[in-house]
Amino acid sequence: MWILNTKAPSYPKQPLRDGVKFQIRSRMAQRRALFWHEHIGGHQFRLRIRDNNPENIRQWFVFDSRTRTIRAWGRRSHVISNQMGVGFRIGHSAVVRIWRGENYQRIQWHDTARRTIRNNGGKCLDVHGGADHNNRMTTWWNCHNGLNQGWYIDQQGVRYPRNPLNDGLKF
């Protein structure tokens, strides 16, 4: 006997409005930011974590609730995704690539204890090997809610300390 499932997947609410610029920061000790950099062909760029540099346009993202994607702020046509042709398999690099309307490119922001980023295959964005090193690669892995799968949104980039004196005072 077959049962037809007519229920569409439900997506959690995104934490920010569409078009609001933010960084995706790692919850590991160094609080590194996610960025896209290394071109691997086919308009794909590998995602890595690295020391925060808010001037680098490749560390900023925006939500798009219509397509259920996280888009690169500098190239709105590019979204966080699986590698082209890989599907939902674990261990493959997470990339930023051109939006093609594929199911693999829809991302869910899950408000769990560590806030995970999941694709439609139920795989979580994971810092490879759980090591907090500069330029560490990110992959899609089975969700286990570990520290290397925890992410948070930062709209500030860098917080500067308050000046010790009011503006215009001689010192």
N, C-alpha and C. Protein backbone atom coordinates (compact mmCIF):
# COMPACT_ATOMS: atom_id res chain seq x y z
N MET A 1 0.83 -1.17 0.00
CA MET A 1 0.00 0.00 0.00
C MET A 1 0.88 1.25 0.00
N TRP A 2 0.53 2.22 -0.80
CA TRP A 2 1.27 3.47 -0.90
C TRP A 2 0.45 4.60 -0.30
N ILE A 3 1.16 5.51 0.34
CA ILE A 3 0.50 6.70 0.89
C ILE A 3 1.13 7.92 0.24
N LEU A 4 0.33 8.79 -0.28
CA LEU A 4 0.81 10.00 -0.92
C LEU A 4 1.00 11.08 0.14
N ASN A 5 2.23 11.56 0.27
CA ASN A 5 2.53 12.60 1.25
C ASN A 5 2.38 13.96 0.56
N THR A 6 1.37 14.70 0.91
CA THR A 6 1.12 16.00 0.28
C THR A 6 1.61 17.15 1.15
N LYS A 7 2.19 16.82 2.28
CA LYS A 7 2.67 17.87 3.19
C LYS A 7 4.04 18.38 2.73
N ALA A 8 4.15 19.66 2.49
CA ALA A 8 5.42 20.27 2.07
C ALA A 8 6.34 20.39 3.28
N PRO A 9 7.67 20.44 3.05
CA PRO A 9 8.58 20.60 4.19
C PRO A 9 8.34 21.94 4.87
N SER A 10 8.43 21.94 6.19
CA SER A 10 8.26 23.20 6.93
C SER A 10 9.63 23.77 7.25
N TYR A 11 9.77 25.05 7.10
CA TYR A 11 11.04 25.72 7.34
C TYR A 11 10.94 26.57 8.59
N PRO A 12 11.97 26.53 9.43
CA PRO A 12 11.95 27.41 10.60
C PRO A 12 12.05 28.87 10.18
N LYS A 13 11.58 29.74 11.05
CA LYS A 13 11.63 31.18 10.78
C LYS A 13 13.09 31.64 10.81
N GLN A 14 13.44 32.51 9.90
CA GLN A 14 14.80 33.03 9.87
C GLN A 14 14.95 34.13 10.91
N PRO A 15 16.13 34.22 11.52
CA PRO A 15 16.29 35.19 12.60
C PRO A 15 16.34 36.65 12.17
N LEU A 16 16.58 36.93 10.89
CA LEU A 16 16.66 38.32 10.41
C LEU A 16 15.77 38.49 9.19
N ARG A 17 15.36 39.73 8.93
CA ARG A 17 14.60 40.05 7.72
C ARG A 17 15.46 39.83 6.48
N ASP A 18 14.82 39.70 5.35
CA ASP A 18 15.53 39.55 4.08
C ASP A 18 16.40 40.77 3.81
N GLY A 19 17.57 40.53 3.25
CA GLY A 19 18.44 41.62 2.82
C GLY A 19 19.26 42.26 3.92
N VAL A 20 19.12 41.82 5.19
CA VAL A 20 19.91 42.39 6.28
C VAL A 20 21.27 41.67 6.29
N LYS A 21 22.32 42.44 6.18
CA LYS A 21 23.68 41.90 6.08
C LYS A 21 24.14 41.35 7.43
N PHE A 22 24.72 40.15 7.43
CA PHE A 22 25.23 39.55 8.66
C PHE A 22 26.40 38.63 8.35
N GLN A 23 27.16 38.30 9.39
CA GLN A 23 28.20 37.28 9.30
C GLN A 23 27.71 36.03 10.01
N ILE A 24 28.18 34.89 9.57
CA ILE A 24 27.90 33.63 10.25
C ILE A 24 29.17 33.28 11.01
N ARG A 25 29.07 33.28 12.32
CA ARG A 25 30.25 33.09 13.17
C ARG A 25 30.21 31.72 13.83
N SER A 26 31.37 31.11 14.00
CA SER A 26 31.49 29.80 14.64
C SER A 26 31.38 29.95 16.15
N ARG A 27 30.77 28.97 16.81
CA ARG A 27 30.65 28.97 18.26
C ARG A 27 31.88 28.37 18.94
N MET A 28 32.86 27.92 18.17
CA MET A 28 34.08 27.38 18.77
C MET A 28 34.86 28.51 19.42
N ALA A 29 35.90 28.19 20.12
CA ALA A 29 36.62 29.12 21.00
C ALA A 29 37.02 30.44 20.35
N GLN A 30 37.50 30.42 19.14
CA GLN A 30 38.05 31.63 18.53
C GLN A 30 37.01 32.52 17.86
N ARG A 31 35.78 32.04 17.75
CA ARG A 31 34.70 32.84 17.14
C ARG A 31 35.07 33.32 15.72
N ARG A 32 35.52 32.41 14.93
CA ARG A 32 35.87 32.75 13.55
C ARG A 32 34.63 32.89 12.69
N ALA A 33 34.75 33.61 11.59
CA ALA A 33 33.63 33.85 10.68
C ALA A 33 33.71 32.93 9.47
N LEU A 34 32.55 32.58 8.94
CA LEU A 34 32.45 31.77 7.73
C LEU A 34 32.69 32.68 6.52
N PHE A 35 33.47 32.21 5.57
CA PHE A 35 33.70 33.00 4.35
C PHE A 35 33.83 32.06 3.17
N TRP A 36 33.60 32.59 1.97
CA TRP A 36 33.78 31.81 0.76
C TRP A 36 34.97 32.38 0.01
N HIS A 37 35.83 31.48 -0.49
CA HIS A 37 37.06 31.98 -1.06
C HIS A 37 37.57 31.15 -2.23
N GLU A 38 37.98 29.93 -1.96
CA GLU A 38 38.71 29.13 -2.93
C GLU A 38 37.81 28.66 -4.07
N HIS A 39 38.10 29.12 -5.30
CA HIS A 39 37.31 28.74 -6.46
C HIS A 39 37.65 27.30 -6.85
N ILE A 40 36.63 26.45 -6.97
CA ILE A 40 36.88 25.03 -7.29
C ILE A 40 36.24 24.64 -8.62
N GLY A 41 35.86 25.61 -9.43
CA GLY A 41 35.29 25.34 -10.75
C GLY A 41 33.77 25.36 -10.73
N GLY A 42 33.20 25.60 -11.88
CA GLY A 42 31.75 25.59 -12.03
C GLY A 42 31.05 26.67 -11.21
N HIS A 43 31.66 27.83 -11.08
CA HIS A 43 31.11 28.94 -10.29
C HIS A 43 30.86 28.52 -8.84
N GLN A 44 31.74 27.66 -8.30
CA GLN A 44 31.64 27.20 -6.92
C GLN A 44 32.85 27.70 -6.13
N PHE A 45 32.59 28.08 -4.88
CA PHE A 45 33.65 28.55 -3.99
C PHE A 45 33.52 27.81 -2.67
N ARG A 46 34.62 27.23 -2.17
CA ARG A 46 34.58 26.50 -0.90
C ARG A 46 34.34 27.45 0.26
N LEU A 47 33.56 26.98 1.23
CA LEU A 47 33.35 27.71 2.47
C LEU A 47 34.39 27.29 3.49
N ARG A 48 34.94 28.26 4.19
CA ARG A 48 35.93 28.00 5.24
C ARG A 48 35.62 28.92 6.42
N ILE A 49 36.25 28.65 7.56
CA ILE A 49 36.18 29.61 8.67
C ILE A 49 37.55 30.27 8.76
N ARG A 50 37.53 31.54 9.14
CA ARG A 50 38.82 32.24 9.29
C ARG A 50 38.65 33.42 10.22
N ASP A 51 39.79 33.99 10.61
CA ASP A 51 39.77 35.14 11.50
C ASP A 51 38.91 36.24 10.89
N ASN A 52 38.17 36.90 11.75
CA ASN A 52 37.23 37.92 11.31
C ASN A 52 37.95 39.09 10.63
N ASN A 53 37.43 39.48 9.49
CA ASN A 53 37.91 40.65 8.76
C ASN A 53 36.69 41.29 8.11
N PRO A 54 35.98 42.19 8.84
CA PRO A 54 34.71 42.70 8.33
C PRO A 54 34.81 43.46 7.02
N GLU A 55 36.00 43.90 6.64
CA GLU A 55 36.14 44.60 5.37
C GLU A 55 36.08 43.63 4.19
N ASN A 56 36.28 42.33 4.45
CA ASN A 56 36.23 41.33 3.38
C ASN A 56 34.77 41.05 3.04
N ILE A 57 34.37 41.38 1.83
CA ILE A 57 32.99 41.24 1.39
C ILE A 57 32.54 39.78 1.38
N ARG A 58 33.48 38.84 1.34
CA ARG A 58 33.13 37.42 1.27
C ARG A 58 32.77 36.82 2.62
N GLN A 59 32.70 37.62 3.66
CA GLN A 59 32.28 37.15 4.98
C GLN A 59 30.87 37.59 5.32
N TRP A 60 30.17 38.21 4.39
CA TRP A 60 28.84 38.75 4.68
C TRP A 60 27.78 38.00 3.87
N PHE A 61 26.63 37.73 4.52
CA PHE A 61 25.54 36.97 3.91
C PHE A 61 24.22 37.67 4.17
N VAL A 62 23.16 37.27 3.45
CA VAL A 62 21.79 37.75 3.67
C VAL A 62 20.84 36.56 3.51
N PHE A 63 19.68 36.63 4.18
CA PHE A 63 18.64 35.62 4.02
C PHE A 63 17.76 35.99 2.84
N ASP A 64 17.20 34.98 2.19
CA ASP A 64 16.18 35.17 1.17
C ASP A 64 15.04 34.19 1.52
N SER A 65 13.98 34.70 2.12
CA SER A 65 12.90 33.82 2.59
C SER A 65 12.08 33.25 1.44
N ARG A 66 12.05 33.91 0.30
CA ARG A 66 11.28 33.41 -0.84
C ARG A 66 11.86 32.08 -1.34
N THR A 67 13.19 32.01 -1.46
CA THR A 67 13.84 30.81 -1.97
C THR A 67 14.38 29.91 -0.85
N ARG A 68 14.28 30.35 0.40
CA ARG A 68 14.80 29.61 1.56
C ARG A 68 16.30 29.36 1.42
N THR A 69 17.03 30.43 1.13
CA THR A 69 18.47 30.32 0.94
C THR A 69 19.20 31.35 1.79
N ILE A 70 20.48 31.07 2.00
CA ILE A 70 21.40 32.06 2.57
C ILE A 70 22.29 32.47 1.41
N ARG A 71 22.22 33.75 1.04
CA ARG A 71 22.92 34.25 -0.14
C ARG A 71 24.18 35.02 0.25
N ALA A 72 25.16 34.98 -0.65
CA ALA A 72 26.37 35.78 -0.46
C ALA A 72 26.01 37.24 -0.69
N TRP A 73 26.38 38.10 0.23
CA TRP A 73 26.01 39.51 0.13
C TRP A 73 26.66 40.16 -1.09
N GLY A 74 27.88 39.81 -1.39
CA GLY A 74 28.58 40.41 -2.52
C GLY A 74 28.11 39.91 -3.87
N ARG A 75 27.56 38.69 -3.91
CA ARG A 75 27.03 38.10 -5.14
C ARG A 75 25.70 37.46 -4.80
N ARG A 76 24.63 38.20 -4.94
CA ARG A 76 23.31 37.72 -4.52
C ARG A 76 22.84 36.51 -5.34
N SER A 77 23.46 36.26 -6.47
CA SER A 77 23.08 35.09 -7.27
C SER A 77 23.69 33.81 -6.72
N HIS A 78 24.59 33.90 -5.74
CA HIS A 78 25.26 32.75 -5.16
C HIS A 78 24.69 32.44 -3.77
N VAL A 79 24.49 31.14 -3.49
CA VAL A 79 23.91 30.69 -2.22
C VAL A 79 24.79 29.62 -1.58
N ILE A 80 24.64 29.45 -0.26
CA ILE A 80 25.31 28.35 0.44
C ILE A 80 24.64 27.06 -0.01
N SER A 81 25.45 26.05 -0.36
CA SER A 81 24.90 24.86 -0.99
C SER A 81 25.83 23.66 -0.82
N ASN A 82 25.36 22.51 -1.30
CA ASN A 82 26.22 21.34 -1.49
C ASN A 82 26.99 21.54 -2.78
N GLN A 83 28.07 20.78 -2.94
CA GLN A 83 28.79 20.84 -4.20
C GLN A 83 27.89 20.32 -5.32
N MET A 84 28.08 20.85 -6.51
CA MET A 84 27.29 20.44 -7.65
C MET A 84 27.49 18.95 -7.94
N GLY A 85 26.39 18.21 -8.09
CA GLY A 85 26.46 16.80 -8.44
C GLY A 85 26.74 15.85 -7.29
N VAL A 86 26.83 16.34 -6.06
CA VAL A 86 27.17 15.49 -4.91
C VAL A 86 25.93 15.01 -4.18
N GLY A 87 24.87 15.79 -4.19
CA GLY A 87 23.66 15.42 -3.46
C GLY A 87 23.81 15.68 -1.97
N PHE A 88 23.16 14.84 -1.17
CA PHE A 88 23.15 15.04 0.27
C PHE A 88 24.18 14.18 1.00
N ARG A 89 25.22 13.73 0.33
CA ARG A 89 26.21 12.87 0.98
C ARG A 89 27.06 13.64 1.97
N ILE A 90 27.47 12.97 3.04
CA ILE A 90 28.29 13.62 4.07
C ILE A 90 29.75 13.67 3.63
N GLY A 91 30.51 14.58 4.26
CA GLY A 91 31.93 14.67 4.04
C GLY A 91 32.36 15.51 2.86
N HIS A 92 31.42 16.01 2.07
CA HIS A 92 31.79 16.84 0.94
C HIS A 92 31.76 18.31 1.34
N SER A 93 32.58 19.09 0.69
CA SER A 93 32.70 20.51 1.02
C SER A 93 31.39 21.26 0.90
N ALA A 94 31.18 22.18 1.83
CA ALA A 94 30.09 23.15 1.69
C ALA A 94 30.62 24.26 0.80
N VAL A 95 29.79 24.74 -0.11
CA VAL A 95 30.23 25.73 -1.08
C VAL A 95 29.22 26.86 -1.18
N VAL A 96 29.65 27.91 -1.84
CA VAL A 96 28.77 28.97 -2.32
C VAL A 96 28.76 28.83 -3.83
N ARG A 97 27.56 28.69 -4.40
CA ARG A 97 27.47 28.55 -5.86
C ARG A 97 26.20 29.20 -6.38
N ILE A 98 26.09 29.30 -7.69
CA ILE A 98 24.96 29.98 -8.33
C ILE A 98 23.65 29.28 -7.97
N TRP A 99 22.63 30.08 -7.64
CA TRP A 99 21.29 29.55 -7.33
C TRP A 99 20.67 28.97 -8.59
N ARG A 100 20.28 27.69 -8.51
CA ARG A 100 19.65 27.01 -9.64
C ARG A 100 18.29 26.43 -9.27
N GLY A 101 17.79 26.74 -8.10
CA GLY A 101 16.48 26.26 -7.68
C GLY A 101 16.48 24.80 -7.25
N GLU A 102 17.65 24.23 -7.00
CA GLU A 102 17.74 22.82 -6.60
C GLU A 102 17.37 22.66 -5.13
N ASN A 103 16.84 21.52 -4.80
CA ASN A 103 16.47 21.21 -3.43
C ASN A 103 17.69 21.25 -2.50
N TYR A 104 18.88 20.93 -3.03
CA TYR A 104 20.11 20.93 -2.25
C TYR A 104 20.48 22.32 -1.76
N GLN A 105 19.97 23.34 -2.40
CA GLN A 105 20.38 24.70 -2.09
C GLN A 105 19.49 25.39 -1.07
N ARG A 106 18.44 24.74 -0.64
CA ARG A 106 17.57 25.32 0.39
C ARG A 106 18.17 25.02 1.75
N ILE A 107 18.34 26.05 2.55
CA ILE A 107 19.02 25.94 3.84
C ILE A 107 18.04 26.29 4.95
N GLN A 108 18.17 25.59 6.07
CA GLN A 108 17.31 25.84 7.22
C GLN A 108 18.18 26.27 8.41
N TRP A 109 17.78 27.34 9.06
CA TRP A 109 18.44 27.82 10.26
C TRP A 109 17.69 27.22 11.44
N HIS A 110 18.29 26.25 12.13
CA HIS A 110 17.61 25.57 13.23
C HIS A 110 18.03 26.17 14.56
N ASP A 111 17.06 26.60 15.30
CA ASP A 111 17.29 27.27 16.58
C ASP A 111 17.41 26.24 17.70
N THR A 112 18.37 25.31 17.57
CA THR A 112 18.61 24.31 18.61
C THR A 112 19.54 24.91 19.65
N ALA A 113 20.06 24.09 20.54
CA ALA A 113 20.94 24.60 21.60
C ALA A 113 22.14 25.34 21.02
N ARG A 114 22.69 24.87 19.92
CA ARG A 114 23.87 25.52 19.32
C ARG A 114 23.55 26.24 18.03
N ARG A 115 22.31 26.23 17.57
CA ARG A 115 21.89 26.85 16.31
C ARG A 115 22.66 26.29 15.13
N THR A 116 22.08 25.31 14.49
CA THR A 116 22.72 24.65 13.36
C THR A 116 22.17 25.18 12.05
N ILE A 117 22.96 25.02 11.00
CA ILE A 117 22.54 25.35 9.64
C ILE A 117 22.44 24.03 8.91
N ARG A 118 21.22 23.70 8.43
CA ARG A 118 20.97 22.40 7.80
C ARG A 118 20.52 22.57 6.37
N ASN A 119 20.86 21.55 5.55
CA ASN A 119 20.31 21.52 4.20
C ASN A 119 19.06 20.66 4.22
N ASN A 120 18.36 20.54 3.11
CA ASN A 120 17.12 19.77 3.06
C ASN A 120 17.33 18.28 3.25
N GLY A 121 18.55 17.81 3.16
CA GLY A 121 18.85 16.40 3.39
C GLY A 121 19.08 16.10 4.86
N GLY A 122 18.94 17.10 5.73
CA GLY A 122 19.13 16.90 7.16
C GLY A 122 20.58 16.88 7.58
N LYS A 123 21.49 17.30 6.72
CA LYS A 123 22.92 17.36 7.06
C LYS A 123 23.25 18.77 7.55
N CYS A 124 24.14 18.85 8.53
CA CYS A 124 24.49 20.14 9.14
C CYS A 124 25.82 20.66 8.62
N LEU A 125 25.93 21.99 8.57
CA LEU A 125 27.19 22.64 8.23
C LEU A 125 28.15 22.41 9.39
N ASP A 126 29.33 21.86 9.10
CA ASP A 126 30.24 21.33 10.10
C ASP A 126 31.65 21.82 9.79
N VAL A 127 32.38 22.27 10.82
CA VAL A 127 33.80 22.60 10.64
C VAL A 127 34.55 21.28 10.61
N HIS A 128 35.23 20.99 9.52
CA HIS A 128 35.88 19.71 9.29
C HIS A 128 36.84 19.34 10.42
N GLY A 129 36.63 18.20 11.00
CA GLY A 129 37.52 17.70 12.04
C GLY A 129 37.31 18.36 13.40
N GLY A 130 36.41 19.31 13.50
CA GLY A 130 36.15 19.98 14.77
C GLY A 130 37.31 20.82 15.27
N ALA A 131 38.25 21.17 14.40
CA ALA A 131 39.42 21.95 14.80
C ALA A 131 39.19 23.42 14.52
N ASP A 132 39.53 24.26 15.48
CA ASP A 132 39.35 25.70 15.35
C ASP A 132 40.63 26.34 14.82
N HIS A 133 40.94 26.07 13.55
CA HIS A 133 42.13 26.63 12.92
C HIS A 133 41.71 27.61 11.84
N ASN A 134 42.54 28.62 11.63
CA ASN A 134 42.28 29.59 10.58
C ASN A 134 42.26 28.88 9.22
N ASN A 135 41.31 29.24 8.36
CA ASN A 135 41.13 28.68 7.02
C ASN A 135 40.69 27.22 7.02
N ARG A 136 40.09 26.74 8.10
CA ARG A 136 39.61 25.35 8.16
C ARG A 136 38.39 25.18 7.25
N MET A 137 38.36 24.08 6.51
CA MET A 137 37.29 23.79 5.57
C MET A 137 36.00 23.41 6.31
N THR A 138 34.84 23.69 5.70
CA THR A 138 33.56 23.27 6.24
C THR A 138 32.96 22.21 5.31
N THR A 139 32.24 21.27 5.91
CA THR A 139 31.61 20.18 5.16
C THR A 139 30.17 20.02 5.62
N TRP A 140 29.44 19.14 4.94
CA TRP A 140 28.10 18.74 5.38
C TRP A 140 28.25 17.41 6.08
N TRP A 141 27.72 17.29 7.30
CA TRP A 141 27.88 16.09 8.10
C TRP A 141 26.57 15.78 8.82
N ASN A 142 26.44 14.55 9.30
CA ASN A 142 25.26 14.19 10.10
C ASN A 142 25.17 15.11 11.31
N CYS A 143 23.98 15.57 11.64
CA CYS A 143 23.80 16.51 12.74
C CYS A 143 24.00 15.81 14.08
N HIS A 144 24.86 16.40 14.91
CA HIS A 144 25.09 15.87 16.25
C HIS A 144 25.09 16.98 17.30
N ASN A 145 24.82 18.20 16.87
CA ASN A 145 24.72 19.37 17.76
C ASN A 145 26.02 19.63 18.53
N GLY A 146 27.15 19.27 17.94
CA GLY A 146 28.45 19.53 18.55
C GLY A 146 28.85 20.98 18.38
N LEU A 147 29.90 21.36 19.09
CA LEU A 147 30.38 22.73 19.04
C LEU A 147 30.82 23.12 17.63
N ASN A 148 31.37 22.16 16.87
CA ASN A 148 31.82 22.47 15.52
C ASN A 148 30.66 22.60 14.53
N GLN A 149 29.41 22.37 14.97
CA GLN A 149 28.23 22.60 14.13
C GLN A 149 27.42 23.78 14.64
N GLY A 150 27.92 24.48 15.65
CA GLY A 150 27.21 25.63 16.21
C GLY A 150 27.60 26.92 15.52
N TRP A 151 26.60 27.72 15.18
CA TRP A 151 26.82 28.99 14.47
C TRP A 151 25.95 30.06 15.08
N TYR A 152 26.34 31.31 14.93
CA TYR A 152 25.48 32.41 15.33
C TYR A 152 25.65 33.56 14.35
N ILE A 153 24.68 34.44 14.36
CA ILE A 153 24.65 35.57 13.44
C ILE A 153 25.23 36.80 14.12
N ASP A 154 26.11 37.48 13.42
CA ASP A 154 26.72 38.70 13.94
C ASP A 154 26.52 39.81 12.90
N GLN A 155 25.80 40.84 13.26
CA GLN A 155 25.59 41.96 12.34
C GLN A 155 26.64 43.04 12.51
N GLN A 156 27.38 43.00 13.58
CA GLN A 156 28.34 44.06 13.88
C GLN A 156 29.67 43.88 13.18
N GLY A 157 30.14 42.65 13.08
CA GLY A 157 31.46 42.41 12.49
C GLY A 157 32.55 42.61 13.51
N VAL A 158 32.82 43.83 13.86
CA VAL A 158 33.84 44.16 14.86
C VAL A 158 33.24 45.17 15.81
N ARG A 159 33.46 44.97 17.08
CA ARG A 159 32.99 45.93 18.08
C ARG A 159 34.21 46.71 18.60
N TYR A 160 34.15 48.00 18.45
CA TYR A 160 35.26 48.84 18.89
C TYR A 160 35.00 49.32 20.31
N PRO A 161 36.05 49.44 21.15
CA PRO A 161 35.84 49.93 22.51
C PRO A 161 35.43 51.39 22.50
N ARG A 162 34.71 51.80 23.56
CA ARG A 162 34.30 53.19 23.69
C ARG A 162 35.52 54.08 23.88
N ASN A 163 35.48 55.27 23.33
CA ASN A 163 36.58 56.22 23.54
C ASN A 163 36.60 56.64 25.00
N PRO A 164 37.79 56.81 25.58
CA PRO A 164 37.86 57.18 27.00
C PRO A 164 37.41 58.61 27.28
N LEU A 165 37.42 59.47 26.24
CA LEU A 165 37.03 60.86 26.41
C LEU A 165 35.93 61.22 25.42
N ASN A 166 35.17 62.25 25.74
CA ASN A 166 34.18 62.74 24.80
C ASN A 166 34.85 63.35 23.58
N ASP A 167 34.14 63.41 22.46
CA ASP A 167 34.70 64.00 21.24
C ASP A 167 35.06 65.46 21.47
N GLY A 168 36.17 65.87 20.87
CA GLY A 168 36.56 67.27 20.87
C GLY A 168 37.37 67.70 22.09
N LEU A 169 37.61 66.85 23.08
CA LEU A 169 38.40 67.24 24.25
C LEU A 169 39.88 67.09 23.94
N LYS A 170 40.69 68.05 24.44
CA LYS A 170 42.14 67.97 24.25
C LYS A 170 42.72 66.94 25.21
N PHE A 171 43.70 66.22 24.74
CA PHE A 171 44.41 65.29 25.62
C PHE A 171 45.82 65.07 25.11
